Amino acid sequence: MSVIPALFREAETDDPAIAQWCSTILAGDTARLLLLGPHWSGKTHTAYAALRRLTTAGYREADITVHQALDLKSTYEPGTIENTTAVTVIDDVTLSVDLVREATRPLQSDPADVQATMALEAGALADAIARLSLLPHRSWLLIASSTERLSEAVGQETTDRLLAVADLAELQQRPRPTQNW
């Protein structure tokens, strides 16, 4: 099974930060990138374009792990990050925060047991990102909407560490596609 889903098999990007990230990894060095942008800016497409660039250049798919943040935080164990591959991508790190901040109407409070589960999952995601940021010789690409929301999702200390060790690429809003049902 490919690390690149069928939807993104032809993904391409000309983003210079992605070119640099890929070149650094292909040269055998460690590269870390925070890919930021609002919804529909093409962050996931750009990340898979980066992975496509790596694999097309001969980088082994077995050395790449891709996590969706929602899945990672619900199944997380600390060894997941410590024992990860040389390249790790975590998509939608800020999705939970984004959904709350971008709600168009007041949200109903969840029952206490659901809130407790969500707090545990949020803590698991924050721990995963914090651990990843501390690992030497690991390349990663984290996808988030903004540094402010990243701070809400993983904590200010981890965000500060990420910003200190990673390059930044910020994508701009694109027009949303129109659906004709």
C-alpha atoms as a PDB file:
ATOM      1  CA  MET A   1       0.000   0.000   0.000  1.00  0.00           C
ATOM      2  CA  SER A   2       1.360   3.399  -0.989  1.00  0.00           C
ATOM      3  CA  VAL A   3       1.902   6.244   1.469  1.00  0.00           C
ATOM      4  CA  ILE A   4       0.359   8.483  -1.188  1.00  0.00           C
ATOM      5  CA  PRO A   5      -3.419   8.016  -1.555  1.00  0.00           C
ATOM      6  CA  ALA A   6      -4.843   7.705  -5.065  1.00  0.00           C
ATOM      7  CA  LEU A   7      -6.355  11.196  -4.788  1.00  0.00           C
ATOM      8  CA  PHE A   8      -2.843  12.672  -4.556  1.00  0.00           C
ATOM      9  CA  ARG A   9      -0.889  10.350  -6.909  1.00  0.00           C
ATOM     10  CA  GLU A  10      -0.391  13.180  -9.402  1.00  0.00           C
ATOM     11  CA  ALA A  11       0.108  15.947  -6.818  1.00  0.00           C
ATOM     12  CA  GLU A  12       2.723  18.527  -7.712  1.00  0.00           C
ATOM     13  CA  THR A  13       3.924  21.768  -6.201  1.00  0.00           C
ATOM     14  CA  ASP A  14       6.415  24.455  -7.049  1.00  0.00           C
ATOM     15  CA  ASP A  15       6.631  25.737  -3.475  1.00  0.00           C
ATOM     16  CA  PRO A  16      10.298  26.549  -2.761  1.00  0.00           C
ATOM     17  CA  ALA A  17      10.026  25.425   0.877  1.00  0.00           C
ATOM     18  CA  ILE A  18       8.903  21.982  -0.300  1.00  0.00           C
ATOM     19  CA  ALA A  19      11.744  21.834  -2.830  1.00  0.00           C
ATOM     20  CA  GLN A  20      14.226  22.652  -0.059  1.00  0.00           C
ATOM     21  CA  TRP A  21      12.675  20.156   2.370  1.00  0.00           C
ATOM     22  CA  CYS A  22      12.866  17.373  -0.214  1.00  0.00           C
ATOM     23  CA  SER A  23      16.401  18.274  -1.339  1.00  0.00           C
ATOM     24  CA  THR A  24      17.638  18.213   2.249  1.00  0.00           C
ATOM     25  CA  ILE A  25      16.122  14.783   2.916  1.00  0.00           C
ATOM     26  CA  LEU A  26      17.385  13.373  -0.387  1.00  0.00           C
ATOM     27  CA  ALA A  27      20.872  14.637   0.522  1.00  0.00           C
ATOM     28  CA  GLY A  28      20.682  12.525   3.698  1.00  0.00           C
ATOM     29  CA  ASP A  29      20.146  15.392   6.125  1.00  0.00           C
ATOM     30  CA  THR A  30      17.294  16.153   8.534  1.00  0.00           C
ATOM     31  CA  ALA A  31      14.554  18.530   7.390  1.00  0.00           C
ATOM     32  CA  ARG A  32      11.642  19.886   9.398  1.00  0.00           C
ATOM     33  CA  LEU A  33       8.805  21.916   7.983  1.00  0.00           C
ATOM     34  CA  LEU A  34       5.658  23.514   9.346  1.00  0.00           C
ATOM     35  CA  LEU A  35       3.184  23.846   6.497  1.00  0.00           C
ATOM     36  CA  LEU A  36       0.605  26.462   7.447  1.00  0.00           C
ATOM     37  CA  GLY A  37      -2.488  27.829   5.755  1.00  0.00           C
ATOM     38  CA  PRO A  38      -6.257  28.176   6.023  1.00  0.00           C
ATOM     39  CA  HIS A  39      -8.715  25.520   4.910  1.00  0.00           C
ATOM     40  CA  TRP A  40      -8.685  24.970   1.147  1.00  0.00           C
ATOM     41  CA  SER A  41      -5.184  26.396   0.779  1.00  0.00           C
ATOM     42  CA  GLY A  42      -3.844  23.067  -0.494  1.00  0.00           C
ATOM     43  CA  LYS A  43      -1.771  22.005   2.505  1.00  0.00           C
ATOM     44  CA  THR A  44      -2.524  18.289   2.227  1.00  0.00           C
ATOM     45  CA  HIS A  45      -2.056  18.359  -1.559  1.00  0.00           C
ATOM     46  CA  THR A  46       1.282  20.125  -1.080  1.00  0.00           C
ATOM     47  CA  ALA A  47       2.425  17.611   1.542  1.00  0.00           C
ATOM     48  CA  TYR A  48       1.639  14.669  -0.712  1.00  0.00           C
ATOM     49  CA  ALA A  49       3.344  16.448  -3.596  1.00  0.00           C
ATOM     50  CA  ALA A  50       6.435  16.558  -1.369  1.00  0.00           C
ATOM     51  CA  LEU A  51       6.175  12.846  -0.640  1.00  0.00           C
ATOM     52  CA  ARG A  52       5.653  12.157  -4.324  1.00  0.00           C
ATOM     53  CA  ARG A  53       8.799  14.140  -5.086  1.00  0.00           C
ATOM     54  CA  LEU A  54      10.742  12.075  -2.540  1.00  0.00           C
ATOM     55  CA  THR A  55       9.517   8.714  -3.802  1.00  0.00           C
ATOM     56  CA  THR A  56       9.969   9.665  -7.454  1.00  0.00           C
ATOM     57  CA  ALA A  57      13.601  10.468  -6.623  1.00  0.00           C
ATOM     58  CA  GLY A  58      14.022   6.980  -5.159  1.00  0.00           C
ATOM     59  CA  TYR A  59      13.320   7.581  -1.472  1.00  0.00           C
ATOM     60  CA  ARG A  60      11.861   4.407   0.033  1.00  0.00           C
ATOM     61  CA  GLU A  61       8.182   4.525   0.992  1.00  0.00           C
ATOM     62  CA  ALA A  62       9.028   2.225   3.903  1.00  0.00           C
ATOM     63  CA  ASP A  63      10.936   5.160   5.424  1.00  0.00           C
ATOM     64  CA  ILE A  64       7.870   7.453   5.369  1.00  0.00           C
ATOM     65  CA  THR A  65       4.962   7.503   7.826  1.00  0.00           C
ATOM     66  CA  VAL A  66       1.850   9.614   7.369  1.00  0.00           C
ATOM     67  CA  HIS A  67      -0.564  10.220  10.246  1.00  0.00           C
ATOM     68  CA  GLN A  68      -3.892  11.983  10.263  1.00  0.00           C
ATOM     69  CA  ALA A  69      -3.981  13.862  13.574  1.00  0.00           C
ATOM     70  CA  LEU A  70      -7.495  12.670  14.425  1.00  0.00           C
ATOM     71  CA  ASP A  71      -6.459   9.034  13.970  1.00  0.00           C
ATOM     72  CA  LEU A  72      -3.128   9.488  15.743  1.00  0.00           C
ATOM     73  CA  LYS A  73      -4.606  11.024  18.853  1.00  0.00           C
ATOM     74  CA  SER A  74      -7.236   8.310  19.251  1.00  0.00           C
ATOM     75  CA  THR A  75      -4.750   5.419  18.928  1.00  0.00           C
ATOM     76  CA  TYR A  76      -1.605   7.077  20.281  1.00  0.00           C
ATOM     77  CA  GLU A  77       1.082   5.330  22.280  1.00  0.00           C
ATOM     78  CA  PRO A  78       4.431   7.074  22.993  1.00  0.00           C
ATOM     79  CA  GLY A  79       6.356   4.393  21.089  1.00  0.00           C
ATOM     80  CA  THR A  80       4.458   5.374  17.952  1.00  0.00           C
ATOM     81  CA  ILE A  81       6.606   8.481  17.671  1.00  0.00           C
ATOM     82  CA  GLU A  82       9.861   7.188  19.148  1.00  0.00           C
ATOM     83  CA  ASN A  83       9.832   4.261  16.719  1.00  0.00           C
ATOM     84  CA  THR A  84       8.705   6.219  13.693  1.00  0.00           C
ATOM     85  CA  THR A  85      10.356   6.212  10.296  1.00  0.00           C
ATOM     86  CA  ALA A  86      12.974   8.680   9.088  1.00  0.00           C
ATOM     87  CA  VAL A  87      10.253  10.925   7.609  1.00  0.00           C
ATOM     88  CA  THR A  88       6.973  11.581   9.411  1.00  0.00           C
ATOM     89  CA  VAL A  89       4.044  13.654   8.170  1.00  0.00           C
ATOM     90  CA  ILE A  90       1.203  14.623  10.500  1.00  0.00           C
ATOM     91  CA  ASP A  91      -1.771  16.189   8.748  1.00  0.00           C
ATOM     92  CA  ASP A  92      -4.469  18.380  10.289  1.00  0.00           C
ATOM     93  CA  VAL A  93      -2.690  19.005  13.607  1.00  0.00           C
ATOM     94  CA  THR A  94      -5.005  21.948  14.334  1.00  0.00           C
ATOM     95  CA  LEU A  95      -8.260  20.512  12.964  1.00  0.00           C
ATOM     96  CA  SER A  96     -10.005  20.223  16.341  1.00  0.00           C
ATOM     97  CA  VAL A  97      -9.171  23.843  17.179  1.00  0.00           C
ATOM     98  CA  ASP A  98     -10.066  24.984  13.662  1.00  0.00           C
ATOM     99  CA  LEU A  99     -13.523  23.412  13.851  1.00  0.00           C
ATOM    100  CA  VAL A 100     -14.301  25.189  17.112  1.00  0.00           C
ATOM    101  CA  ARG A 101     -12.883  28.565  16.007  1.00  0.00           C
ATOM    102  CA  GLU A 102     -14.583  28.467  12.620  1.00  0.00           C
ATOM    103  CA  ALA A 103     -18.013  27.366  13.814  1.00  0.00           C
ATOM    104  CA  THR A 104     -20.733  29.521  12.303  1.00  0.00           C
ATOM    105  CA  ARG A 105     -23.171  29.033  15.165  1.00  0.00           C
ATOM    106  CA  PRO A 106     -22.861  28.377  18.904  1.00  0.00           C
ATOM    107  CA  LEU A 107     -21.816  24.839  19.676  1.00  0.00           C
ATOM    108  CA  GLN A 108     -23.630  22.623  22.155  1.00  0.00           C
ATOM    109  CA  SER A 109     -21.546  21.473  25.096  1.00  0.00           C
ATOM    110  CA  ASP A 110     -20.610  17.811  24.939  1.00  0.00           C
ATOM    111  CA  PRO A 111     -21.410  15.506  27.853  1.00  0.00           C
ATOM    112  CA  ALA A 112     -18.689  15.263  30.529  1.00  0.00           C
ATOM    113  CA  ASP A 113     -17.488  11.814  29.388  1.00  0.00           C
ATOM    114  CA  VAL A 114     -17.063  13.044  25.813  1.00  0.00           C
ATOM    115  CA  GLN A 115     -15.223  16.130  27.032  1.00  0.00           C
ATOM    116  CA  ALA A 116     -12.906  13.910  29.090  1.00  0.00           C
ATOM    117  CA  THR A 117     -12.169  11.694  26.079  1.00  0.00           C
ATOM    118  CA  MET A 118     -11.506  14.735  23.895  1.00  0.00           C
ATOM    119  CA  ALA A 119      -9.135  16.148  26.532  1.00  0.00           C
ATOM    120  CA  LEU A 120      -7.210  12.860  26.670  1.00  0.00           C
ATOM    121  CA  GLU A 121      -6.983  12.757  22.891  1.00  0.00           C
ATOM    122  CA  ALA A 122      -5.833  16.385  22.735  1.00  0.00           C
ATOM    123  CA  GLY A 123      -3.162  15.575  25.312  1.00  0.00           C
ATOM    124  CA  ALA A 124      -2.068  12.539  23.296  1.00  0.00           C
ATOM    125  CA  LEU A 125      -1.664  14.634  20.142  1.00  0.00           C
ATOM    126  CA  ALA A 126       0.269  17.311  22.041  1.00  0.00           C
ATOM    127  CA  ASP A 127       2.555  14.625  23.483  1.00  0.00           C
ATOM    128  CA  ALA A 128       3.139  13.069  20.055  1.00  0.00           C
ATOM    129  CA  ILE A 129       4.119  16.423  18.531  1.00  0.00           C
ATOM    130  CA  ALA A 130       6.305  17.324  21.521  1.00  0.00           C
ATOM    131  CA  ARG A 131       8.140  13.980  21.303  1.00  0.00           C
ATOM    132  CA  LEU A 132       8.588  14.295  17.543  1.00  0.00           C
ATOM    133  CA  SER A 133      10.046  17.787  17.926  1.00  0.00           C
ATOM    134  CA  LEU A 134      12.729  16.419  20.269  1.00  0.00           C
ATOM    135  CA  LEU A 135      13.876  13.487  18.157  1.00  0.00           C
ATOM    136  CA  PRO A 136      17.239  14.006  16.496  1.00  0.00           C
ATOM    137  CA  HIS A 137      17.791  12.854  12.918  1.00  0.00           C
ATOM    138  CA  ARG A 138      14.085  12.692  12.131  1.00  0.00           C
ATOM    139  CA  SER A 139      12.580  14.655   9.313  1.00  0.00           C
ATOM    140  CA  TRP A 140       9.009  15.766   9.583  1.00  0.00           C
ATOM    141  CA  LEU A 141       6.324  17.862   7.995  1.00  0.00           C
ATOM    142  CA  LEU A 142       3.491  19.104  10.205  1.00  0.00           C
ATOM    143  CA  ILE A 143       0.347  20.568   8.691  1.00  0.00           C
ATOM    144  CA  ALA A 144      -1.570  23.215  10.643  1.00  0.00           C
ATOM    145  CA  SER A 145      -3.725  26.252   9.962  1.00  0.00           C
ATOM    146  CA  SER A 146      -1.645  28.814  11.891  1.00  0.00           C
ATOM    147  CA  THR A 147       0.931  29.140  14.656  1.00  0.00           C
ATOM    148  CA  GLU A 148      -1.735  30.565  16.962  1.00  0.00           C
ATOM    149  CA  ARG A 149      -3.955  27.536  16.529  1.00  0.00           C
ATOM    150  CA  LEU A 150      -0.941  25.235  16.704  1.00  0.00           C
ATOM    151  CA  SER A 151      -0.231  26.722  20.118  1.00  0.00           C
ATOM    152  CA  GLU A 152      -3.804  25.970  21.183  1.00  0.00           C
ATOM    153  CA  ALA A 153      -3.518  22.396  19.906  1.00  0.00           C
ATOM    154  CA  VAL A 154      -0.081  21.394  21.240  1.00  0.00           C
ATOM    155  CA  GLY A 155       0.831  24.089  23.784  1.00  0.00           C
ATOM    156  CA  GLN A 156       3.010  27.172  23.610  1.00  0.00           C
ATOM    157  CA  GLU A 157       6.220  25.447  24.726  1.00  0.00           C
ATOM    158  CA  THR A 158       5.991  22.820  21.975  1.00  0.00           C
ATOM    159  CA  THR A 159       5.011  25.447  19.414  1.00  0.00           C
ATOM    160  CA  ASP A 160       8.013  27.555  20.372  1.00  0.00           C
ATOM    161  CA  ARG A 161      10.277  24.501  19.992  1.00  0.00           C
ATOM    162  CA  LEU A 162       8.750  23.675  16.600  1.00  0.00           C
ATOM    163  CA  LEU A 163       9.283  27.234  15.405  1.00  0.00           C
ATOM    164  CA  ALA A 164      12.896  27.131  16.612  1.00  0.00           C
ATOM    165  CA  VAL A 165      13.789  23.951  14.703  1.00  0.00           C
ATOM    166  CA  ALA A 166      11.563  24.042  11.617  1.00  0.00           C
ATOM    167  CA  ASP A 167      11.287  25.980   8.422  1.00  0.00           C
ATOM    168  CA  LEU A 168       7.915  27.582   7.688  1.00  0.00           C
ATOM    169  CA  ALA A 169       5.841  27.549   4.534  1.00  0.00           C
ATOM    170  CA  GLU A 170       2.588  29.474   4.467  1.00  0.00           C
ATOM    171  CA  LEU A 171       0.016  28.806   1.781  1.00  0.00           C
ATOM    172  CA  GLN A 172      -2.621  31.324   0.816  1.00  0.00           C
ATOM    173  CA  GLN A 173      -6.367  30.773   0.627  1.00  0.00           C
ATOM    174  CA  ARG A 174      -7.582  29.375  -2.698  1.00  0.00           C
ATOM    175  CA  PRO A 175     -11.106  29.600  -4.058  1.00  0.00           C
ATOM    176  CA  ARG A 176     -13.268  26.766  -2.824  1.00  0.00           C
ATOM    177  CA  PRO A 177     -14.409  24.373  -5.519  1.00  0.00           C
ATOM    178  CA  THR A 178     -18.069  24.498  -6.385  1.00  0.00           C
ATOM    179  CA  GLN A 179     -20.042  21.293  -6.280  1.00  0.00           C
ATOM    180  CA  ASN A 180     -22.789  20.615  -8.765  1.00  0.00           C
ATOM    181  CA  TRP A 181     -24.827  17.774  -7.315  1.00  0.00           C
END
